[in-house]
């Protein structure tokens, strides 16, 4: 059984997807300054998961090396939505075995981050990724409102059914 924090990340991923259901490519590529567009946000979150869990955590090669273009501080772009969703799905699928291997003791360990020991343990990195998703989920909903979308999803969704609290084993 995955660690409870991994369950929360997976629930957060599902809420992110739910928040963007029905967004068209044209809408996803529209930019309201100074924010990035929705499609960039999808690539940005995929990039973080790839770096944290595949490259730094599991020591594997990236499954979508082009995601480096969506890192923090990189220039803004308006990529096609289907391309970044495809990369996001590839990354999240590839990271799941690593995430499934995390235990409470493993979450206390540190990984090498760009050749140096990271200043956050894996557990804090897991929380950072989860909270990062919520930040950009909210931002995406603001963008959708600016696009004129109504009847947006209510947050937080069915956490009690999909990812209820459970203590660590």
N, C-alpha and C. Protein backbone atom coordinates (compact mmCIF):
# COMPACT_ATOMS: atom_id res chain seq x y z
N UNK A 1 0.84 -1.18 0.00
CA UNK A 1 0.00 0.00 0.00
C UNK A 1 0.89 1.24 0.00
N UNK A 2 0.60 2.23 -0.84
CA UNK A 2 1.42 3.44 -0.87
C UNK A 2 1.37 4.20 0.45
N UNK A 3 2.40 4.97 0.69
CA UNK A 3 2.43 5.83 1.87
C UNK A 3 1.26 6.82 1.79
N UNK A 4 0.67 7.21 2.92
CA UNK A 4 -0.46 8.15 2.89
C UNK A 4 -0.15 9.47 2.17
N UNK A 5 1.08 9.95 2.25
CA UNK A 5 1.41 11.19 1.53
C UNK A 5 1.42 10.97 0.01
N UNK A 6 1.75 9.78 -0.43
CA UNK A 6 1.70 9.46 -1.86
C UNK A 6 0.24 9.42 -2.30
N UNK A 7 -0.63 8.86 -1.46
CA UNK A 7 -2.07 8.90 -1.77
C UNK A 7 -2.56 10.33 -1.95
N UNK A 8 -2.08 11.22 -1.10
CA UNK A 8 -2.51 12.62 -1.20
C UNK A 8 -2.00 13.27 -2.49
N UNK A 9 -0.78 12.95 -2.89
CA UNK A 9 -0.27 13.47 -4.15
C UNK A 9 -1.13 12.96 -5.31
N UNK A 10 -1.45 11.70 -5.29
CA UNK A 10 -2.26 11.14 -6.38
C UNK A 10 -3.65 11.76 -6.41
N UNK A 11 -4.23 12.00 -5.27
CA UNK A 11 -5.52 12.69 -5.22
C UNK A 11 -5.37 14.09 -5.80
N UNK A 12 -4.31 14.77 -5.42
CA UNK A 12 -4.07 16.13 -5.91
C UNK A 12 -3.90 16.14 -7.43
N UNK A 13 -3.18 15.16 -7.95
CA UNK A 13 -3.06 15.04 -9.41
C UNK A 13 -4.44 14.90 -10.05
N UNK A 14 -5.29 14.07 -9.46
CA UNK A 14 -6.62 13.85 -10.04
C UNK A 14 -7.46 15.13 -9.98
N UNK A 15 -7.29 15.90 -8.93
CA UNK A 15 -8.01 17.17 -8.82
C UNK A 15 -7.49 18.18 -9.86
N UNK A 16 -6.20 18.15 -10.11
CA UNK A 16 -5.61 19.01 -11.14
C UNK A 16 -6.21 18.68 -12.50
N UNK A 17 -6.30 17.40 -12.80
CA UNK A 17 -6.90 16.98 -14.06
C UNK A 17 -8.38 17.39 -14.14
N UNK A 18 -9.09 17.20 -13.04
CA UNK A 18 -10.51 17.57 -13.00
C UNK A 18 -10.68 19.07 -13.21
N UNK A 19 -9.77 19.85 -12.66
CA UNK A 19 -9.84 21.31 -12.78
C UNK A 19 -9.68 21.77 -14.22
N UNK A 20 -9.03 20.97 -15.04
CA UNK A 20 -8.74 21.38 -16.42
C UNK A 20 -9.59 20.66 -17.45
N UNK A 21 -10.51 19.84 -16.99
CA UNK A 21 -11.38 19.11 -17.91
C UNK A 21 -12.17 20.11 -18.76
N UNK A 22 -12.16 19.86 -20.07
CA UNK A 22 -12.91 20.69 -20.99
C UNK A 22 -12.18 21.91 -21.51
N UNK A 23 -10.96 22.16 -21.04
CA UNK A 23 -10.18 23.29 -21.56
C UNK A 23 -9.67 22.93 -22.95
N UNK A 24 -9.89 23.80 -23.91
CA UNK A 24 -9.44 23.55 -25.27
C UNK A 24 -7.98 23.96 -25.43
N UNK A 25 -7.38 23.50 -26.51
CA UNK A 25 -6.00 23.88 -26.81
C UNK A 25 -5.87 25.40 -26.94
N UNK A 26 -6.79 26.00 -27.64
CA UNK A 26 -6.75 27.46 -27.82
C UNK A 26 -6.82 28.19 -26.48
N UNK A 27 -7.71 27.73 -25.62
CA UNK A 27 -7.84 28.36 -24.30
C UNK A 27 -6.59 28.12 -23.46
N UNK A 28 -6.07 26.90 -23.51
CA UNK A 28 -4.90 26.54 -22.70
C UNK A 28 -3.65 27.31 -23.10
N UNK A 29 -3.63 27.82 -24.31
CA UNK A 29 -2.45 28.55 -24.79
C UNK A 29 -2.59 30.06 -24.64
N UNK A 30 -3.74 30.51 -24.16
CA UNK A 30 -3.95 31.94 -23.97
C UNK A 30 -3.26 32.38 -22.68
N UNK A 31 -2.55 33.49 -22.78
CA UNK A 31 -1.77 33.97 -21.64
C UNK A 31 -2.33 35.30 -21.16
N UNK A 32 -2.57 35.38 -19.86
CA UNK A 32 -2.98 36.61 -19.20
C UNK A 32 -1.80 37.06 -18.35
N UNK A 33 -1.15 38.11 -18.78
CA UNK A 33 0.06 38.58 -18.10
C UNK A 33 -0.26 38.96 -16.66
N UNK A 34 0.62 38.70 -15.74
CA UNK A 34 1.95 38.12 -15.90
C UNK A 34 1.96 36.59 -15.75
N UNK A 35 0.79 35.97 -15.68
CA UNK A 35 0.73 34.53 -15.48
C UNK A 35 1.16 33.78 -16.73
N UNK A 36 1.58 32.54 -16.53
CA UNK A 36 1.82 31.64 -17.66
C UNK A 36 0.47 31.06 -18.08
N UNK A 37 0.45 30.48 -19.25
CA UNK A 37 -0.80 29.87 -19.73
C UNK A 37 -0.99 28.49 -19.10
N UNK A 38 -2.19 27.96 -19.24
CA UNK A 38 -2.53 26.67 -18.65
C UNK A 38 -1.65 25.55 -19.20
N UNK A 39 -1.41 25.54 -20.51
CA UNK A 39 -0.60 24.45 -21.05
C UNK A 39 0.83 24.49 -20.50
N UNK A 40 1.36 25.68 -20.27
CA UNK A 40 2.69 25.80 -19.66
C UNK A 40 2.66 25.22 -18.25
N UNK A 41 1.59 25.49 -17.51
CA UNK A 41 1.47 25.00 -16.14
C UNK A 41 1.51 23.47 -16.11
N UNK A 42 0.82 22.83 -17.05
CA UNK A 42 0.83 21.36 -17.11
C UNK A 42 2.27 20.87 -17.31
N UNK A 43 2.99 21.46 -18.25
CA UNK A 43 4.37 21.08 -18.50
C UNK A 43 5.27 21.37 -17.30
N UNK A 44 5.00 22.46 -16.62
CA UNK A 44 5.78 22.87 -15.46
C UNK A 44 5.67 21.84 -14.33
N UNK A 45 4.46 21.39 -14.04
CA UNK A 45 4.28 20.40 -12.98
C UNK A 45 4.86 19.04 -13.38
N UNK A 46 4.73 18.69 -14.64
CA UNK A 46 5.35 17.44 -15.12
C UNK A 46 6.87 17.52 -14.99
N UNK A 47 7.43 18.67 -15.29
CA UNK A 47 8.88 18.85 -15.16
C UNK A 47 9.33 18.65 -13.72
N UNK A 48 8.59 19.22 -12.77
CA UNK A 48 8.98 19.07 -11.37
C UNK A 48 8.93 17.61 -10.94
N UNK A 49 7.86 16.91 -11.29
CA UNK A 49 7.77 15.50 -10.90
C UNK A 49 8.89 14.68 -11.54
N UNK A 50 9.17 14.96 -12.79
CA UNK A 50 10.24 14.22 -13.48
C UNK A 50 11.58 14.44 -12.78
N UNK A 51 11.88 15.69 -12.46
CA UNK A 51 13.15 16.01 -11.81
C UNK A 51 13.23 15.39 -10.42
N UNK A 52 12.19 15.57 -9.62
CA UNK A 52 12.23 15.09 -8.24
C UNK A 52 12.23 13.57 -8.15
N UNK A 53 11.30 12.93 -8.86
CA UNK A 53 11.09 11.50 -8.63
C UNK A 53 11.89 10.60 -9.56
N UNK A 54 12.02 10.98 -10.82
CA UNK A 54 12.77 10.13 -11.75
C UNK A 54 14.27 10.42 -11.68
N UNK A 55 14.64 11.67 -11.88
CA UNK A 55 16.05 12.01 -11.99
C UNK A 55 16.74 11.98 -10.63
N UNK A 56 16.24 12.77 -9.67
CA UNK A 56 16.91 12.85 -8.37
C UNK A 56 16.57 11.67 -7.46
N UNK A 57 15.32 11.24 -7.44
CA UNK A 57 14.93 10.15 -6.54
C UNK A 57 15.37 8.79 -7.02
N UNK A 58 14.97 8.42 -8.23
CA UNK A 58 15.25 7.08 -8.75
C UNK A 58 16.54 7.01 -9.56
N UNK A 59 17.14 8.16 -9.86
CA UNK A 59 18.38 8.16 -10.63
C UNK A 59 18.21 7.71 -12.06
N UNK A 60 17.03 7.93 -12.63
CA UNK A 60 16.74 7.50 -14.00
C UNK A 60 16.84 8.68 -14.96
N UNK A 61 16.89 8.34 -16.22
CA UNK A 61 16.88 9.37 -17.27
C UNK A 61 15.46 9.91 -17.41
N UNK A 62 15.33 11.16 -17.80
CA UNK A 62 13.99 11.72 -18.01
C UNK A 62 13.24 10.99 -19.13
N UNK A 63 11.94 10.82 -18.96
CA UNK A 63 11.12 10.22 -20.02
C UNK A 63 10.69 11.29 -21.01
N UNK A 64 10.72 12.55 -20.59
CA UNK A 64 10.33 13.67 -21.46
C UNK A 64 11.35 14.80 -21.25
N UNK A 65 12.55 14.67 -21.86
CA UNK A 65 13.60 15.67 -21.64
C UNK A 65 13.20 17.09 -22.03
N UNK A 66 12.24 17.21 -22.95
CA UNK A 66 11.82 18.55 -23.40
C UNK A 66 11.15 19.35 -22.29
N UNK A 67 10.78 18.69 -21.21
CA UNK A 67 10.12 19.39 -20.11
C UNK A 67 11.04 20.37 -19.40
N UNK A 68 12.33 20.28 -19.62
CA UNK A 68 13.26 21.24 -19.02
C UNK A 68 12.87 22.67 -19.40
N UNK A 69 12.18 22.82 -20.52
CA UNK A 69 11.74 24.15 -20.97
C UNK A 69 10.68 24.76 -20.07
N UNK A 70 10.14 23.97 -19.14
CA UNK A 70 9.07 24.46 -18.27
C UNK A 70 9.53 24.61 -16.83
N UNK A 71 10.84 24.64 -16.63
CA UNK A 71 11.37 24.79 -15.28
C UNK A 71 11.21 26.20 -14.74
N UNK A 72 11.35 26.32 -13.44
CA UNK A 72 11.27 27.62 -12.78
C UNK A 72 12.28 28.58 -13.41
N UNK A 73 11.81 29.76 -13.78
CA UNK A 73 12.69 30.77 -14.36
C UNK A 73 12.91 30.65 -15.84
N UNK A 74 12.37 29.61 -16.46
CA UNK A 74 12.51 29.45 -17.91
C UNK A 74 11.57 30.43 -18.62
N UNK A 75 11.88 30.78 -19.87
CA UNK A 75 11.01 31.71 -20.59
C UNK A 75 9.59 31.15 -20.77
N UNK A 76 8.65 32.05 -20.78
CA UNK A 76 7.26 31.67 -21.00
C UNK A 76 7.11 31.12 -22.42
N UNK A 77 6.15 30.21 -22.57
CA UNK A 77 5.83 29.67 -23.88
C UNK A 77 4.36 29.26 -23.85
N UNK A 78 3.84 28.94 -25.02
CA UNK A 78 2.44 28.53 -25.13
C UNK A 78 2.37 27.22 -25.90
N UNK A 79 2.78 26.12 -25.26
CA UNK A 79 2.85 24.83 -25.96
C UNK A 79 1.46 24.25 -26.23
N UNK A 80 1.38 23.36 -27.21
CA UNK A 80 0.12 22.66 -27.46
C UNK A 80 -0.30 21.84 -26.25
N UNK A 81 -1.55 21.94 -25.89
CA UNK A 81 -2.05 21.26 -24.70
C UNK A 81 -1.90 19.74 -24.79
N UNK A 82 -2.20 19.16 -25.94
CA UNK A 82 -2.11 17.70 -26.03
C UNK A 82 -0.68 17.21 -25.84
N UNK A 83 0.30 17.98 -26.27
CA UNK A 83 1.70 17.57 -26.09
C UNK A 83 2.12 17.58 -24.63
N UNK A 84 1.72 18.62 -23.89
CA UNK A 84 2.13 18.66 -22.49
C UNK A 84 1.34 17.66 -21.65
N UNK A 85 0.07 17.41 -22.00
CA UNK A 85 -0.67 16.37 -21.29
C UNK A 85 -0.04 15.01 -21.54
N UNK A 86 0.37 14.76 -22.78
CA UNK A 86 1.01 13.48 -23.10
C UNK A 86 2.29 13.31 -22.26
N UNK A 87 3.08 14.37 -22.18
CA UNK A 87 4.31 14.32 -21.37
C UNK A 87 3.96 14.14 -19.89
N UNK A 88 2.95 14.87 -19.41
CA UNK A 88 2.54 14.76 -18.01
C UNK A 88 2.14 13.32 -17.69
N UNK A 89 1.33 12.71 -18.54
CA UNK A 89 0.91 11.33 -18.30
C UNK A 89 2.10 10.37 -18.33
N UNK A 90 3.02 10.57 -19.25
CA UNK A 90 4.20 9.71 -19.32
C UNK A 90 5.03 9.83 -18.05
N UNK A 91 5.20 11.04 -17.58
CA UNK A 91 6.01 11.27 -16.37
C UNK A 91 5.32 10.70 -15.14
N UNK A 92 4.04 11.00 -14.96
CA UNK A 92 3.38 10.51 -13.75
C UNK A 92 3.31 8.98 -13.74
N UNK A 93 3.14 8.38 -14.88
CA UNK A 93 3.14 6.91 -14.95
C UNK A 93 4.53 6.36 -14.62
N UNK A 94 5.56 7.02 -15.13
CA UNK A 94 6.93 6.56 -14.88
C UNK A 94 7.36 6.78 -13.43
N UNK A 95 6.81 7.79 -12.77
CA UNK A 95 7.21 8.07 -11.39
C UNK A 95 6.48 7.21 -10.37
N UNK A 96 5.36 6.63 -10.76
CA UNK A 96 4.57 5.87 -9.79
C UNK A 96 5.33 4.72 -9.12
N UNK A 97 6.14 3.93 -9.82
CA UNK A 97 6.89 2.87 -9.11
C UNK A 97 7.81 3.44 -8.02
N UNK A 98 8.46 4.57 -8.30
CA UNK A 98 9.31 5.18 -7.27
C UNK A 98 8.46 5.63 -6.09
N UNK A 99 7.36 6.31 -6.38
CA UNK A 99 6.49 6.78 -5.30
C UNK A 99 5.95 5.62 -4.48
N UNK A 100 5.62 4.51 -5.14
CA UNK A 100 5.11 3.33 -4.42
C UNK A 100 6.17 2.72 -3.50
N UNK A 101 7.44 2.99 -3.77
CA UNK A 101 8.51 2.42 -2.95
C UNK A 101 8.79 3.24 -1.69
N UNK A 102 8.19 4.40 -1.57
CA UNK A 102 8.49 5.28 -0.43
C UNK A 102 7.85 4.76 0.85
N UNK A 103 8.66 4.75 1.88
CA UNK A 103 8.22 4.35 3.22
C UNK A 103 8.46 5.54 4.15
N UNK A 104 7.96 5.44 5.34
CA UNK A 104 8.17 6.53 6.31
C UNK A 104 9.66 6.79 6.53
N UNK A 105 10.45 5.75 6.63
CA UNK A 105 11.89 5.95 6.84
C UNK A 105 12.55 6.53 5.58
N UNK A 106 12.13 6.10 4.40
CA UNK A 106 12.68 6.63 3.15
C UNK A 106 12.37 8.13 3.01
N UNK A 107 11.20 8.54 3.49
CA UNK A 107 10.81 9.96 3.39
C UNK A 107 11.73 10.87 4.20
N UNK A 108 12.46 10.30 5.14
CA UNK A 108 13.40 11.09 5.96
C UNK A 108 14.76 11.24 5.30
N UNK A 109 14.99 10.53 4.20
CA UNK A 109 16.28 10.58 3.52
C UNK A 109 16.38 11.81 2.62
N UNK A 110 17.61 12.11 2.24
CA UNK A 110 17.90 13.23 1.35
C UNK A 110 18.44 12.69 0.04
N UNK A 111 18.14 13.35 -1.06
CA UNK A 111 18.66 12.96 -2.37
C UNK A 111 19.65 14.01 -2.84
N UNK A 112 20.48 13.62 -3.80
CA UNK A 112 21.34 14.60 -4.44
C UNK A 112 20.49 15.41 -5.40
N UNK A 113 20.61 16.70 -5.30
CA UNK A 113 19.82 17.63 -6.10
C UNK A 113 20.80 18.47 -6.90
N UNK A 114 20.87 18.18 -8.18
CA UNK A 114 21.83 18.85 -9.07
C UNK A 114 23.25 18.71 -8.54
N UNK A 115 23.58 17.49 -8.11
CA UNK A 115 24.93 17.16 -7.68
C UNK A 115 25.25 17.46 -6.24
N UNK A 116 24.34 18.10 -5.51
CA UNK A 116 24.58 18.45 -4.11
C UNK A 116 23.46 17.87 -3.26
N UNK A 117 23.76 17.58 -2.00
CA UNK A 117 22.68 17.10 -1.13
C UNK A 117 21.58 18.16 -1.04
N UNK A 118 20.35 17.73 -1.22
CA UNK A 118 19.22 18.65 -1.14
C UNK A 118 19.03 19.09 0.30
N UNK A 119 18.49 20.28 0.50
CA UNK A 119 18.26 20.76 1.86
C UNK A 119 16.90 20.33 2.40
N UNK A 120 16.13 19.59 1.60
CA UNK A 120 14.85 19.05 2.05
C UNK A 120 14.88 17.53 1.91
N UNK A 121 14.28 16.85 2.88
CA UNK A 121 14.20 15.40 2.75
C UNK A 121 13.10 15.04 1.74
N UNK A 122 13.04 13.78 1.39
CA UNK A 122 12.09 13.32 0.37
C UNK A 122 10.65 13.61 0.80
N UNK A 123 10.36 13.47 2.09
CA UNK A 123 9.02 13.77 2.58
C UNK A 123 8.64 15.22 2.36
N UNK A 124 9.57 16.13 2.63
CA UNK A 124 9.30 17.55 2.39
C UNK A 124 9.16 17.84 0.90
N UNK A 125 9.96 17.13 0.09
CA UNK A 125 9.83 17.29 -1.37
C UNK A 125 8.46 16.82 -1.83
N UNK A 126 7.97 15.73 -1.25
CA UNK A 126 6.65 15.21 -1.60
C UNK A 126 5.57 16.22 -1.24
N UNK A 127 5.68 16.82 -0.09
CA UNK A 127 4.73 17.87 0.28
C UNK A 127 4.85 19.07 -0.65
N UNK A 128 6.07 19.45 -0.98
CA UNK A 128 6.28 20.60 -1.88
C UNK A 128 5.57 20.37 -3.22
N UNK A 129 5.72 19.17 -3.80
CA UNK A 129 5.08 18.88 -5.08
C UNK A 129 3.56 18.94 -4.93
N UNK A 130 3.03 18.35 -3.87
CA UNK A 130 1.58 18.36 -3.65
C UNK A 130 1.07 19.79 -3.52
N UNK A 131 1.72 20.60 -2.71
CA UNK A 131 1.28 21.99 -2.53
C UNK A 131 1.47 22.80 -3.81
N UNK A 132 2.50 22.47 -4.57
CA UNK A 132 2.73 23.15 -5.85
C UNK A 132 1.56 22.90 -6.80
N UNK A 133 1.06 21.66 -6.82
CA UNK A 133 -0.12 21.36 -7.63
C UNK A 133 -1.31 22.22 -7.21
N UNK A 134 -1.53 22.33 -5.89
CA UNK A 134 -2.69 23.12 -5.44
C UNK A 134 -2.53 24.59 -5.82
N UNK A 135 -1.32 25.11 -5.72
CA UNK A 135 -1.07 26.50 -6.12
C UNK A 135 -1.48 26.71 -7.58
N UNK A 136 -0.99 25.83 -8.45
CA UNK A 136 -1.27 26.00 -9.88
C UNK A 136 -2.70 25.58 -10.25
N UNK A 137 -3.32 24.72 -9.45
CA UNK A 137 -4.72 24.41 -9.69
C UNK A 137 -5.55 25.67 -9.45
N UNK A 138 -5.28 26.39 -8.39
CA UNK A 138 -5.98 27.64 -8.13
C UNK A 138 -5.71 28.67 -9.22
N UNK A 139 -4.46 28.77 -9.62
CA UNK A 139 -4.11 29.71 -10.70
C UNK A 139 -4.85 29.35 -11.98
N UNK A 140 -4.94 28.07 -12.29
CA UNK A 140 -5.63 27.65 -13.51
C UNK A 140 -7.11 28.01 -13.46
N UNK A 141 -7.70 27.95 -12.26
CA UNK A 141 -9.10 28.31 -12.14
C UNK A 141 -9.31 29.82 -12.33
N UNK A 142 -8.35 30.61 -11.88
CA UNK A 142 -8.41 32.05 -12.13
C UNK A 142 -8.33 32.33 -13.64
N UNK A 143 -7.44 31.62 -14.31
CA UNK A 143 -7.31 31.76 -15.77
C UNK A 143 -8.63 31.37 -16.43
N UNK A 144 -9.21 30.28 -15.99
CA UNK A 144 -10.48 29.84 -16.58
C UNK A 144 -11.58 30.89 -16.36
N UNK A 145 -11.60 31.51 -15.21
CA UNK A 145 -12.57 32.57 -14.98
C UNK A 145 -12.33 33.74 -15.94
N UNK A 146 -11.07 34.08 -16.18
CA UNK A 146 -10.74 35.16 -17.11
C UNK A 146 -11.13 34.78 -18.54
N UNK A 147 -11.15 33.49 -18.83
CA UNK A 147 -11.59 33.01 -20.14
C UNK A 147 -13.12 33.02 -20.26
N UNK A 148 -13.80 33.28 -19.16
CA UNK A 148 -15.25 33.31 -19.17
C UNK A 148 -15.91 31.99 -18.82
N UNK A 149 -15.13 31.04 -18.34
CA UNK A 149 -15.70 29.75 -17.97
C UNK A 149 -16.55 29.90 -16.71
N UNK A 150 -17.65 29.19 -16.68
CA UNK A 150 -18.53 29.15 -15.51
C UNK A 150 -18.69 27.70 -15.09
N UNK A 151 -19.37 27.49 -14.00
CA UNK A 151 -19.59 26.14 -13.47
C UNK A 151 -18.29 25.37 -13.31
N UNK A 152 -17.28 26.03 -12.78
CA UNK A 152 -15.99 25.38 -12.55
C UNK A 152 -16.10 24.38 -11.41
N UNK A 153 -15.21 23.40 -11.38
CA UNK A 153 -15.26 22.40 -10.32
C UNK A 153 -15.18 23.04 -8.93
N UNK A 154 -15.82 22.41 -8.00
CA UNK A 154 -15.74 22.83 -6.60
C UNK A 154 -14.57 22.09 -5.97
N UNK A 155 -13.77 22.82 -5.22
CA UNK A 155 -12.61 22.21 -4.58
C UNK A 155 -12.82 22.20 -3.10
N UNK A 156 -12.31 21.28 -2.40
CA UNK A 156 -11.64 20.07 -2.83
C UNK A 156 -12.72 19.02 -3.09
N UNK A 157 -12.46 18.14 -4.05
CA UNK A 157 -13.43 17.12 -4.44
C UNK A 157 -13.61 16.04 -3.39
N UNK A 158 -13.83 14.83 -3.81
CA UNK A 158 -14.19 13.72 -2.93
C UNK A 158 -12.97 13.13 -2.22
N UNK A 159 -12.34 13.95 -1.39
CA UNK A 159 -11.17 13.46 -0.67
C UNK A 159 -11.54 12.34 0.31
N UNK A 160 -12.74 12.44 0.89
CA UNK A 160 -13.18 11.40 1.82
C UNK A 160 -13.34 10.05 1.16
N UNK A 161 -13.75 10.04 -0.11
CA UNK A 161 -13.91 8.79 -0.84
C UNK A 161 -12.67 8.32 -1.55
N UNK A 162 -11.88 9.28 -2.04
CA UNK A 162 -10.72 8.94 -2.86
C UNK A 162 -9.40 8.89 -2.11
N UNK A 163 -9.25 9.71 -1.09
CA UNK A 163 -7.98 9.76 -0.36
C UNK A 163 -8.21 10.18 1.08
N UNK A 164 -9.01 9.41 1.83
CA UNK A 164 -9.28 9.81 3.21
C UNK A 164 -8.01 9.71 4.05
N UNK A 165 -8.05 10.42 5.14
CA UNK A 165 -6.93 10.34 6.08
C UNK A 165 -6.76 8.89 6.54
N UNK A 166 -5.54 8.46 6.57
CA UNK A 166 -5.20 7.20 7.21
C UNK A 166 -3.82 7.37 7.81
N UNK A 167 -3.60 6.80 8.97
CA UNK A 167 -2.30 6.94 9.62
C UNK A 167 -1.24 6.14 8.87
N UNK A 168 -0.01 6.52 9.10
CA UNK A 168 1.09 5.76 8.53
C UNK A 168 1.07 4.35 9.11
N UNK A 169 1.47 3.40 8.30
CA UNK A 169 1.47 1.99 8.77
C UNK A 169 2.52 1.80 9.83
